[in-house]
C-alpha atoms as a PDB file:
ATOM      1  CA  MET A   1     -41.768  64.769  19.531  1.00  0.00           C
ATOM      2  CA  THR A   2     -44.274  66.567  21.712  1.00  0.00           C
ATOM      3  CA  GLY A   3     -43.298  68.661  24.712  1.00  0.00           C
ATOM      4  CA  GLN A   4     -44.386  65.872  27.087  1.00  0.00           C
ATOM      5  CA  ASP A   5     -42.232  63.191  25.454  1.00  0.00           C
ATOM      6  CA  THR A   6     -38.930  64.173  26.950  1.00  0.00           C
ATOM      7  CA  GLY A   7     -38.437  61.920  29.961  1.00  0.00           C
ATOM      8  CA  PRO A   8     -36.234  58.836  30.073  1.00  0.00           C
ATOM      9  CA  GLY A   9     -39.280  56.611  29.788  1.00  0.00           C
ATOM     10  CA  ASP A  10     -41.162  58.592  27.148  1.00  0.00           C
ATOM     11  CA  PRO A  11     -43.133  56.466  24.631  1.00  0.00           C
ATOM     12  CA  ALA A  12     -41.693  58.198  21.583  1.00  0.00           C
ATOM     13  CA  ARG A  13     -38.149  57.302  22.570  1.00  0.00           C
ATOM     14  CA  TRP A  14     -39.078  53.635  22.829  1.00  0.00           C
ATOM     15  CA  VAL A  15     -40.734  53.792  19.403  1.00  0.00           C
ATOM     16  CA  TRP A  16     -37.495  55.043  17.852  1.00  0.00           C
ATOM     17  CA  ILE A  17     -35.445  52.411  19.694  1.00  0.00           C
ATOM     18  CA  ALA A  18     -37.801  49.663  18.452  1.00  0.00           C
ATOM     19  CA  ALA A  19     -37.699  50.945  14.876  1.00  0.00           C
ATOM     20  CA  THR A  20     -33.882  51.258  15.046  1.00  0.00           C
ATOM     21  CA  LEU A  21     -33.455  47.639  16.129  1.00  0.00           C
ATOM     22  CA  ALA A  22     -35.885  46.434  13.470  1.00  0.00           C
ATOM     23  CA  GLY A  23     -34.034  48.374  10.774  1.00  0.00           C
ATOM     24  CA  MET A  24     -30.634  47.077  11.848  1.00  0.00           C
ATOM     25  CA  GLN A  25     -31.944  43.499  11.859  1.00  0.00           C
ATOM     26  CA  VAL A  26     -32.546  43.728   8.096  1.00  0.00           C
ATOM     27  CA  GLY A  27     -28.821  44.321   7.569  1.00  0.00           C
ATOM     28  CA  LEU A  28     -27.837  41.551   9.974  1.00  0.00           C
ATOM     29  CA  ALA A  29     -30.198  39.025   8.379  1.00  0.00           C
ATOM     30  CA  THR A  30     -29.007  39.969   4.884  1.00  0.00           C
ATOM     31  CA  VAL A  31     -25.358  39.350   5.732  1.00  0.00           C
ATOM     32  CA  LEU A  32     -26.145  36.029   7.418  1.00  0.00           C
ATOM     33  CA  SER A  33     -28.551  34.893   4.677  1.00  0.00           C
ATOM     34  CA  ARG A  34     -26.182  35.238   1.740  1.00  0.00           C
ATOM     35  CA  PRO A  35     -24.115  32.070   2.495  1.00  0.00           C
ATOM     36  CA  LEU A  36     -27.315  30.064   3.167  1.00  0.00           C
ATOM     37  CA  LEU A  37     -28.890  30.696  -0.237  1.00  0.00           C
ATOM     38  CA  ALA A  38     -26.769  28.091  -2.039  1.00  0.00           C
ATOM     39  CA  PRO A  39     -27.601  25.124   0.210  1.00  0.00           C
ATOM     40  CA  LEU A  40     -31.218  26.083   0.901  1.00  0.00           C
ATOM     41  CA  GLY A  41     -32.554  28.180  -1.964  1.00  0.00           C
ATOM     42  CA  PRO A  42     -34.701  31.349  -1.616  1.00  0.00           C
ATOM     43  CA  LEU A  43     -38.027  29.701  -0.675  1.00  0.00           C
ATOM     44  CA  SER A  44     -36.625  27.135   1.753  1.00  0.00           C
ATOM     45  CA  LEU A  45     -34.585  29.840   3.501  1.00  0.00           C
ATOM     46  CA  ALA A  46     -37.702  32.005   3.827  1.00  0.00           C
ATOM     47  CA  PHE A  47     -39.685  29.051   5.251  1.00  0.00           C
ATOM     48  CA  TRP A  48     -37.094  28.224   7.938  1.00  0.00           C
ATOM     49  CA  ARG A  49     -36.550  31.882   8.802  1.00  0.00           C
ATOM     50  CA  TYR A  50     -40.197  32.459   9.639  1.00  0.00           C
ATOM     51  CA  ALA A  51     -40.887  29.001  11.087  1.00  0.00           C
ATOM     52  CA  ILE A  52     -38.235  29.774  13.688  1.00  0.00           C
ATOM     53  CA  GLY A  53     -39.664  33.285  14.058  1.00  0.00           C
ATOM     54  CA  VAL A  54     -43.111  31.891  14.846  1.00  0.00           C
ATOM     55  CA  LEU A  55     -41.676  29.550  17.483  1.00  0.00           C
ATOM     56  CA  VAL A  56     -40.079  32.587  19.148  1.00  0.00           C
ATOM     57  CA  MET A  57     -43.206  34.766  19.012  1.00  0.00           C
ATOM     58  CA  VAL A  58     -45.786  32.208  20.231  1.00  0.00           C
ATOM     59  CA  PRO A  59     -44.603  32.105  23.887  1.00  0.00           C
ATOM     60  CA  LEU A  60     -44.059  35.863  23.922  1.00  0.00           C
ATOM     61  CA  ALA A  61     -47.637  36.411  22.735  1.00  0.00           C
ATOM     62  CA  TRP A  62     -49.188  33.964  25.194  1.00  0.00           C
ATOM     63  CA  ARG A  63     -50.608  36.560  27.594  1.00  0.00           C
ATOM     64  CA  ALA A  64     -51.935  38.790  24.804  1.00  0.00           C
ATOM     65  CA  TRP A  65     -54.214  36.199  23.167  1.00  0.00           C
ATOM     66  CA  HIS A  66     -57.072  37.039  25.539  1.00  0.00           C
ATOM     67  CA  ALA A  67     -56.861  40.740  24.609  1.00  0.00           C
ATOM     68  CA  LEU A  68     -56.904  39.810  20.912  1.00  0.00           C
ATOM     69  CA  ALA A  69     -59.924  37.512  21.351  1.00  0.00           C
ATOM     70  CA  GLU A  70     -61.935  40.293  23.016  1.00  0.00           C
ATOM     71  CA  CYS A  71     -61.628  42.672  20.075  1.00  0.00           C
ATOM     72  CA  TRP A  72     -61.097  40.272  17.141  1.00  0.00           C
ATOM     73  CA  ARG A  73     -63.302  40.708  14.068  1.00  0.00           C
ATOM     74  CA  TRP A  74     -63.405  37.667  11.788  1.00  0.00           C
ATOM     75  CA  ARG A  75     -63.861  39.876   8.726  1.00  0.00           C
ATOM     76  CA  ASP A  76     -60.256  41.003   9.335  1.00  0.00           C
ATOM     77  CA  ALA A  77     -58.890  37.450   9.137  1.00  0.00           C
ATOM     78  CA  PHE A  78     -58.435  37.412   5.359  1.00  0.00           C
ATOM     79  CA  PRO A  79     -56.770  40.834   4.984  1.00  0.00           C
ATOM     80  CA  VAL A  80     -54.454  40.172   7.941  1.00  0.00           C
ATOM     81  CA  ALA A  81     -53.435  36.830   6.434  1.00  0.00           C
ATOM     82  CA  ALA A  82     -53.084  38.254   2.913  1.00  0.00           C
ATOM     83  CA  ILE A  83     -50.968  41.229   4.020  1.00  0.00           C
ATOM     84  CA  GLY A  84     -48.848  38.912   6.177  1.00  0.00           C
ATOM     85  CA  ILE A  85     -48.183  36.591   3.238  1.00  0.00           C
ATOM     86  CA  GLY A  86     -47.270  39.604   1.122  1.00  0.00           C
ATOM     87  CA  GLN A  87     -45.072  41.108   3.835  1.00  0.00           C
ATOM     88  CA  PHE A  88     -43.166  37.869   4.412  1.00  0.00           C
ATOM     89  CA  ALA A  89     -43.576  35.208   1.738  1.00  0.00           C
ATOM     90  CA  VAL A  90     -43.732  37.433  -1.353  1.00  0.00           C
ATOM     91  CA  LEU A  91     -41.322  40.091  -0.078  1.00  0.00           C
ATOM     92  CA  LEU A  92     -38.700  37.663   1.187  1.00  0.00           C
ATOM     93  CA  ALA A  93     -38.923  35.385  -1.848  1.00  0.00           C
ATOM     94  CA  LEU A  94     -38.204  38.384  -4.073  1.00  0.00           C
ATOM     95  CA  TYR A  95     -35.495  39.609  -1.735  1.00  0.00           C
ATOM     96  CA  ASN A  96     -33.749  36.240  -1.507  1.00  0.00           C
ATOM     97  CA  TYR A  97     -33.955  35.813  -5.275  1.00  0.00           C
ATOM     98  CA  GLY A  98     -32.244  39.158  -5.794  1.00  0.00           C
ATOM     99  CA  LEU A  99     -29.683  38.422  -3.087  1.00  0.00           C
ATOM    100  CA  GLN A 100     -28.430  35.441  -5.098  1.00  0.00           C
ATOM    101  CA  THR A 101     -26.835  37.740  -7.670  1.00  0.00           C
ATOM    102  CA  VAL A 102     -26.551  41.127  -5.896  1.00  0.00           C
ATOM    103  CA  PRO A 103     -24.012  41.824  -3.114  1.00  0.00           C
ATOM    104  CA  ALA A 104     -25.558  42.085   0.349  1.00  0.00           C
ATOM    105  CA  ALA A 105     -24.732  45.762   0.935  1.00  0.00           C
ATOM    106  CA  GLN A 106     -26.092  46.791  -2.472  1.00  0.00           C
ATOM    107  CA  ALA A 107     -29.183  44.661  -1.927  1.00  0.00           C
ATOM    108  CA  THR A 108     -29.963  46.563   1.257  1.00  0.00           C
ATOM    109  CA  LEU A 109     -29.461  49.844  -0.626  1.00  0.00           C
ATOM    110  CA  LEU A 110     -32.153  48.931  -3.137  1.00  0.00           C
ATOM    111  CA  PHE A 111     -34.440  47.722  -0.326  1.00  0.00           C
ATOM    112  CA  ALA A 112     -33.879  51.006   1.528  1.00  0.00           C
ATOM    113  CA  THR A 113     -36.137  52.729  -1.027  1.00  0.00           C
ATOM    114  CA  MET A 114     -39.053  51.301   0.987  1.00  0.00           C
ATOM    115  CA  PRO A 115     -39.538  54.414   3.195  1.00  0.00           C
ATOM    116  CA  VAL A 116     -40.031  56.595   0.107  1.00  0.00           C
ATOM    117  CA  LEU A 117     -42.581  54.112  -1.216  1.00  0.00           C
ATOM    118  CA  SER A 118     -44.330  53.984   2.176  1.00  0.00           C
ATOM    119  CA  LEU A 119     -44.666  57.758   2.181  1.00  0.00           C
ATOM    120  CA  LEU A 120     -46.065  57.770  -1.370  1.00  0.00           C
ATOM    121  CA  PHE A 121     -48.534  54.945  -0.703  1.00  0.00           C
ATOM    122  CA  GLY A 122     -49.577  56.486   2.594  1.00  0.00           C
ATOM    123  CA  ALA A 123     -50.212  59.853   0.940  1.00  0.00           C
ATOM    124  CA  LEU A 124     -52.186  58.207  -1.900  1.00  0.00           C
ATOM    125  CA  VAL A 125     -54.578  56.446   0.455  1.00  0.00           C
ATOM    126  CA  GLY A 126     -54.870  59.466   2.739  1.00  0.00           C
ATOM    127  CA  GLN A 127     -53.322  57.669   5.685  1.00  0.00           C
ATOM    128  CA  GLU A 128     -50.616  60.257   6.263  1.00  0.00           C
ATOM    129  CA  ARG A 129     -49.695  63.744   5.156  1.00  0.00           C
ATOM    130  CA  PHE A 130     -46.845  64.492   2.800  1.00  0.00           C
ATOM    131  CA  THR A 131     -44.625  67.112   4.459  1.00  0.00           C
ATOM    132  CA  TRP A 132     -41.341  68.683   3.480  1.00  0.00           C
ATOM    133  CA  ALA A 133     -39.871  67.558   6.810  1.00  0.00           C
ATOM    134  CA  LYS A 134     -40.591  63.923   5.939  1.00  0.00           C
ATOM    135  CA  ALA A 135     -39.315  64.416   2.404  1.00  0.00           C
ATOM    136  CA  LEU A 136     -36.054  65.941   3.697  1.00  0.00           C
ATOM    137  CA  ALA A 137     -35.557  63.075   6.135  1.00  0.00           C
ATOM    138  CA  LEU A 138     -36.112  60.503   3.391  1.00  0.00           C
ATOM    139  CA  VAL A 139     -33.692  62.275   1.026  1.00  0.00           C
ATOM    140  CA  LEU A 140     -31.026  62.476   3.743  1.00  0.00           C
ATOM    141  CA  SER A 141     -31.497  58.795   4.536  1.00  0.00           C
ATOM    142  CA  LEU A 142     -31.177  57.675   0.924  1.00  0.00           C
ATOM    143  CA  ALA A 143     -28.185  59.998   0.410  1.00  0.00           C
ATOM    144  CA  GLY A 144     -26.455  58.396   3.391  1.00  0.00           C
ATOM    145  CA  VAL A 145     -27.125  54.918   2.059  1.00  0.00           C
ATOM    146  CA  ALA A 146     -25.888  55.878  -1.427  1.00  0.00           C
ATOM    147  CA  VAL A 147     -22.712  57.489  -0.067  1.00  0.00           C
ATOM    148  CA  THR A 148     -21.950  54.417   2.009  1.00  0.00           C
ATOM    149  CA  LEU A 149     -22.160  52.059  -0.935  1.00  0.00           C
ATOM    150  CA  GLU A 150     -20.726  54.261  -3.682  1.00  0.00           C
ATOM    151  CA  GLY A 151     -17.743  52.504  -5.187  1.00  0.00           C
ATOM    152  CA  GLY A 152     -18.589  49.243  -3.442  1.00  0.00           C
ATOM    153  CA  PRO A 153     -18.053  45.845  -5.074  1.00  0.00           C
ATOM    154  CA  GLY A 154     -20.288  44.989  -7.999  1.00  0.00           C
ATOM    155  CA  PRO A 155     -22.139  47.370 -10.325  1.00  0.00           C
ATOM    156  CA  ILE A 156     -25.701  48.429  -9.491  1.00  0.00           C
ATOM    157  CA  GLY A 157     -27.439  47.733 -12.784  1.00  0.00           C
ATOM    158  CA  ILE A 158     -31.054  46.920 -13.484  1.00  0.00           C
ATOM    159  CA  GLY A 159     -31.029  43.187 -14.012  1.00  0.00           C
ATOM    160  CA  ARG A 160     -33.379  40.506 -12.733  1.00  0.00           C
ATOM    161  CA  GLY A 161     -31.808  40.554  -9.271  1.00  0.00           C
ATOM    162  CA  GLN A 162     -32.075  44.315  -8.911  1.00  0.00           C
ATOM    163  CA  ALA A 163     -35.623  44.321 -10.269  1.00  0.00           C
ATOM    164  CA  ALA A 164     -36.595  41.643  -7.711  1.00  0.00           C
ATOM    165  CA  LEU A 165     -35.096  43.700  -4.876  1.00  0.00           C
ATOM    166  CA  LEU A 166     -36.929  46.835  -5.960  1.00  0.00           C
ATOM    167  CA  ALA A 167     -40.137  44.806  -6.220  1.00  0.00           C
ATOM    168  CA  SER A 168     -39.598  43.574  -2.661  1.00  0.00           C
ATOM    169  CA  ALA A 169     -39.298  47.190  -1.523  1.00  0.00           C
ATOM    170  CA  VAL A 170     -42.597  48.017  -3.281  1.00  0.00           C
ATOM    171  CA  VAL A 171     -44.299  45.113  -1.512  1.00  0.00           C
ATOM    172  CA  GLY A 172     -42.822  46.150   1.840  1.00  0.00           C
ATOM    173  CA  GLY A 173     -43.878  49.782   1.451  1.00  0.00           C
ATOM    174  CA  LEU A 174     -47.417  48.833   0.435  1.00  0.00           C
ATOM    175  CA  CYS A 175     -47.826  46.284   3.249  1.00  0.00           C
ATOM    176  CA  SER A 176     -46.499  48.771   5.824  1.00  0.00           C
ATOM    177  CA  VAL A 177     -49.303  51.167   4.885  1.00  0.00           C
ATOM    178  CA  LEU A 178     -52.012  48.488   4.636  1.00  0.00           C
ATOM    179  CA  TYR A 179     -51.085  46.966   8.003  1.00  0.00           C
ATOM    180  CA  ARG A 180     -51.405  50.138  10.061  1.00  0.00           C
ATOM    181  CA  PRO A 181     -55.190  50.023  10.676  1.00  0.00           C
ATOM    182  CA  TYR A 182     -54.874  46.467  12.000  1.00  0.00           C
ATOM    183  CA  VAL A 183     -51.885  47.087  14.274  1.00  0.00           C
ATOM    184  CA  ARG A 184     -53.761  50.005  15.801  1.00  0.00           C
ATOM    185  CA  ARG A 185     -56.808  47.811  16.383  1.00  0.00           C
ATOM    186  CA  TYR A 186     -55.156  44.645  17.741  1.00  0.00           C
ATOM    187  CA  PRO A 187     -52.275  43.749  20.065  1.00  0.00           C
ATOM    188  CA  ALA A 188     -49.033  43.540  18.085  1.00  0.00           C
ATOM    189  CA  LEU A 189     -47.690  40.169  19.273  1.00  0.00           C
ATOM    190  CA  PRO A 190     -50.658  37.859  18.563  1.00  0.00           C
ATOM    191  CA  LEU A 191     -51.354  39.758  15.323  1.00  0.00           C
ATOM    192  CA  GLY A 192     -47.763  39.083  14.303  1.00  0.00           C
ATOM    193  CA  VAL A 193     -48.080  35.400  15.158  1.00  0.00           C
ATOM    194  CA  ILE A 194     -51.205  35.070  12.989  1.00  0.00           C
ATOM    195  CA  ALA A 195     -49.604  36.872  10.043  1.00  0.00           C
ATOM    196  CA  MET A 196     -46.346  34.961  10.275  1.00  0.00           C
ATOM    197  CA  SER A 197     -48.106  31.578  10.737  1.00  0.00           C
ATOM    198  CA  CYS A 198     -50.121  32.145   7.583  1.00  0.00           C
ATOM    199  CA  THR A 199     -46.858  32.948   5.822  1.00  0.00           C
ATOM    200  CA  VAL A 200     -45.200  29.734   7.008  1.00  0.00           C
ATOM    201  CA  ALA A 201     -48.184  27.696   5.807  1.00  0.00           C
ATOM    202  CA  ALA A 202     -48.152  29.422   2.403  1.00  0.00           C
ATOM    203  CA  LEU A 203     -44.384  28.939   2.061  1.00  0.00           C
ATOM    204  CA  ALA A 204     -44.673  25.262   3.019  1.00  0.00           C
ATOM    205  CA  ALA A 205     -47.308  24.693   0.344  1.00  0.00           C
ATOM    206  CA  VAL A 206     -45.314  26.466  -2.353  1.00  0.00           C
ATOM    207  CA  THR A 207     -41.852  25.206  -1.385  1.00  0.00           C
ATOM    208  CA  GLY A 208     -42.622  21.501  -0.950  1.00  0.00           C
ATOM    209  CA  VAL A 209     -41.148  18.841   1.310  1.00  0.00           C
ATOM    210  CA  ASP A 210     -38.075  18.165  -0.817  1.00  0.00           C
ATOM    211  CA  GLU A 211     -36.957  21.791  -0.760  1.00  0.00           C
ATOM    212  CA  ILE A 212     -37.702  22.236   2.943  1.00  0.00           C
ATOM    213  CA  THR A 213     -35.719  19.150   3.922  1.00  0.00           C
ATOM    214  CA  ARG A 214     -32.621  20.530   2.161  1.00  0.00           C
ATOM    215  CA  ALA A 215     -31.848  21.997   5.585  1.00  0.00           C
ATOM    216  CA  ARG A 216     -30.491  18.598   6.660  1.00  0.00           C
ATOM    217  CA  VAL A 217     -27.273  19.347   4.756  1.00  0.00           C
ATOM    218  CA  LEU A 218     -26.470  22.371   6.915  1.00  0.00           C
ATOM    219  CA  ASP A 219     -23.580  22.135   9.344  1.00  0.00           C
ATOM    220  CA  VAL A 220     -23.595  23.435  12.918  1.00  0.00           C
ATOM    221  CA  ASN A 221     -22.402  26.935  12.017  1.00  0.00           C
ATOM    222  CA  GLN A 222     -25.016  27.266   9.270  1.00  0.00           C
ATOM    223  CA  TRP A 223     -27.768  26.158  11.638  1.00  0.00           C
ATOM    224  CA  LEU A 224     -26.527  28.705  14.162  1.00  0.00           C
ATOM    225  CA  ALA A 225     -26.707  31.444  11.520  1.00  0.00           C
ATOM    226  CA  LEU A 226     -30.205  30.308  10.472  1.00  0.00           C
ATOM    227  CA  THR A 227     -31.359  30.299  14.099  1.00  0.00           C
ATOM    228  CA  VAL A 228     -30.035  33.821  14.666  1.00  0.00           C
ATOM    229  CA  ILE A 229     -31.852  34.967  11.496  1.00  0.00           C
ATOM    230  CA  GLY A 230     -35.115  33.340  12.601  1.00  0.00           C
ATOM    231  CA  VAL A 231     -35.055  34.521  16.220  1.00  0.00           C
ATOM    232  CA  SER A 232     -34.060  38.060  15.308  1.00  0.00           C
ATOM    233  CA  SER A 233     -36.742  38.135  12.585  1.00  0.00           C
ATOM    234  CA  GLY A 234     -39.467  37.222  15.094  1.00  0.00           C
ATOM    235  CA  VAL A 235     -38.328  39.832  17.617  1.00  0.00           C
ATOM    236  CA  ALA A 236     -37.759  42.511  14.951  1.00  0.00           C
ATOM    237  CA  TYR A 237     -41.233  41.945  13.469  1.00  0.00           C
ATOM    238  CA  PHE A 238     -42.850  42.487  16.846  1.00  0.00           C
ATOM    239  CA  LEU A 239     -40.811  45.689  17.328  1.00  0.00           C
ATOM    240  CA  TRP A 240     -41.784  46.851  13.839  1.00  0.00           C
ATOM    241  CA  LEU A 241     -45.511  46.252  14.468  1.00  0.00           C
ATOM    242  CA  TRP A 242     -45.275  47.924  17.894  1.00  0.00           C
ATOM    243  CA  ALA A 243     -43.641  51.006  16.352  1.00  0.00           C
ATOM    244  CA  LEU A 244     -46.051  51.035  13.384  1.00  0.00           C
ATOM    245  CA  ARG A 245     -48.969  51.121  15.837  1.00  0.00           C
ATOM    246  CA  ARG A 246     -47.663  54.433  17.194  1.00  0.00           C
ATOM    247  CA  ARG A 247     -46.201  56.287  14.217  1.00  0.00           C
ATOM    248  CA  ASP A 248     -46.821  56.788  10.480  1.00  0.00           C
ATOM    249  CA  ALA A 249     -45.500  54.074   8.192  1.00  0.00           C
ATOM    250  CA  SER A 250     -42.986  56.420   6.554  1.00  0.00           C
ATOM    251  CA  GLN A 251     -41.555  57.407   9.957  1.00  0.00           C
ATOM    252  CA  VAL A 252     -41.072  53.762  10.950  1.00  0.00           C
ATOM    253  CA  THR A 253     -39.828  52.376   7.629  1.00  0.00           C
ATOM    254  CA  ILE A 254     -37.197  55.124   7.294  1.00  0.00           C
ATOM    255  CA  PHE A 255     -35.211  53.118   9.816  1.00  0.00           C
ATOM    256  CA  VAL A 256     -34.692  50.522   7.069  1.00  0.00           C
ATOM    257  CA  GLY A 257     -32.019  53.031   6.013  1.00  0.00           C
ATOM    258  CA  LEU A 258     -29.928  51.604   8.834  1.00  0.00           C
ATOM    259  CA  SER A 259     -29.750  48.199   7.144  1.00  0.00           C
ATOM    260  CA  PRO A 260     -27.067  49.050   4.551  1.00  0.00           C
ATOM    261  CA  ILE A 261     -25.019  50.845   7.210  1.00  0.00           C
ATOM    262  CA  THR A 262     -25.344  47.768   9.416  1.00  0.00           C
ATOM    263  CA  ALA A 263     -24.322  45.471   6.562  1.00  0.00           C
ATOM    264  CA  ALA A 264     -21.292  47.638   5.791  1.00  0.00           C
ATOM    265  CA  LEU A 265     -20.189  47.787   9.444  1.00  0.00           C
ATOM    266  CA  LEU A 266     -20.627  44.033   9.877  1.00  0.00           C
ATOM    267  CA  GLY A 267     -18.349  43.639   6.875  1.00  0.00           C
ATOM    268  CA  VAL A 268     -15.738  45.651   8.784  1.00  0.00           C
ATOM    269  CA  VAL A 269     -16.103  43.541  11.946  1.00  0.00           C
ATOM    270  CA  TRP A 270     -16.564  40.051  10.467  1.00  0.00           C
ATOM    271  CA  LEU A 271     -14.817  40.250   7.131  1.00  0.00           C
ATOM    272  CA  GLY A 272     -11.971  42.607   7.986  1.00  0.00           C
ATOM    273  CA  GLU A 273     -13.045  45.220   5.445  1.00  0.00           C
ATOM    274  CA  PRO A 274     -11.639  48.760   5.998  1.00  0.00           C
ATOM    275  CA  LEU A 275     -13.727  51.404   7.772  1.00  0.00           C
ATOM    276  CA  THR A 276     -13.902  53.951   4.970  1.00  0.00           C
ATOM    277  CA  PHE A 277     -14.806  57.624   5.007  1.00  0.00           C
ATOM    278  CA  ARG A 278     -17.892  56.770   2.943  1.00  0.00           C
ATOM    279  CA  VAL A 279     -19.209  54.506   5.704  1.00  0.00           C
ATOM    280  CA  ILE A 280     -18.663  57.189   8.342  1.00  0.00           C
ATOM    281  CA  LEU A 281     -20.244  59.954   6.235  1.00  0.00           C
ATOM    282  CA  GLY A 282     -23.153  57.743   5.226  1.00  0.00           C
ATOM    283  CA  ALA A 283     -23.813  56.769   8.819  1.00  0.00           C
ATOM    284  CA  CYS A 284     -23.825  60.440   9.847  1.00  0.00           C
ATOM    285  CA  LEU A 285     -26.344  61.315   7.142  1.00  0.00           C
ATOM    286  CA  VAL A 286     -28.666  58.431   8.043  1.00  0.00           C
ATOM    287  CA  ILE A 287     -28.431  59.190  11.771  1.00  0.00           C
ATOM    288  CA  GLY A 288     -29.148  62.842  11.022  1.00  0.00           C
ATOM    289  CA  ALA A 289     -32.255  61.844   9.052  1.00  0.00           C
ATOM    290  CA  LEU A 290     -33.465  59.616  11.863  1.00  0.00           C
ATOM    291  CA  ALA A 291     -32.854  62.350  14.450  1.00  0.00           C
ATOM    292  CA  TRP A 292     -34.887  64.755  12.293  1.00  0.00           C
ATOM    293  CA  VAL A 293     -37.766  62.276  12.149  1.00  0.00           C
ATOM    294  CA  GLY A 294     -37.567  61.700  15.879  1.00  0.00           C
ATOM    295  CA  ARG A 295     -37.853  65.402  16.693  1.00  0.00           C
ATOM    296  CA  SER A 296     -40.708  66.103  14.289  1.00  0.00           C
ATOM    297  CA  ARG A 297     -44.368  65.603  15.269  1.00  0.00           C
END
């Protein structure tokens, strides 16, 4: 951080808070999504997740539409829609497919490779500089994630599920880099609504009415879980765009490293799993990496 960004209301601090919440939401949504895959399927779950997310974001973005209209360039409509569909529809379809056969905590571990990919893609397109400080933070973050999940249930092999999860991380890292010019040009909330709405339309066309209406078999608790996933996804996406507007993609996406830690800790709270030394050590490593990122320019 710069010398000026030290007060309680400094912008940098709010960027890190926003990125932290967005990263933790990935772990929360993963844990809640796993039981919903059987009744809904990967595509239907993705549709309902982002349909609810759009409903949450539309009223929040109401006052920002005028600001978007003043600076909107229609030539940006296609890339914004395409990147949004990649970021949501393609990424989440791959992620949900992998989550069907890979345990939730291990799935978030594979997805946590996204910051490394963001740094590589950003360096390739000249959007950000590769530095040893960033590399160290990324290594620390991945080490913390790996320590947390070492010895966890289920082997981490390279099967179809694992390949799909790694592919989702590739899509996420690429979209994070491609989105940055647009989030710096336009207000985050209405831009997010446009991207997510295009995703919902694409998912509806691909999924079909029969698959979408499978949601009628859900009970009250499952609908509650789906609502929490959708609402938190809408809020987290806004926070992610807001943070991405102010920092390099690799600095923001490194907070995805919190998702496996979150998934492991939720297992302790909700499933009665023991709080192991690995979880504590992994959390310390990830928090150390995030603190290093926060203090660097």
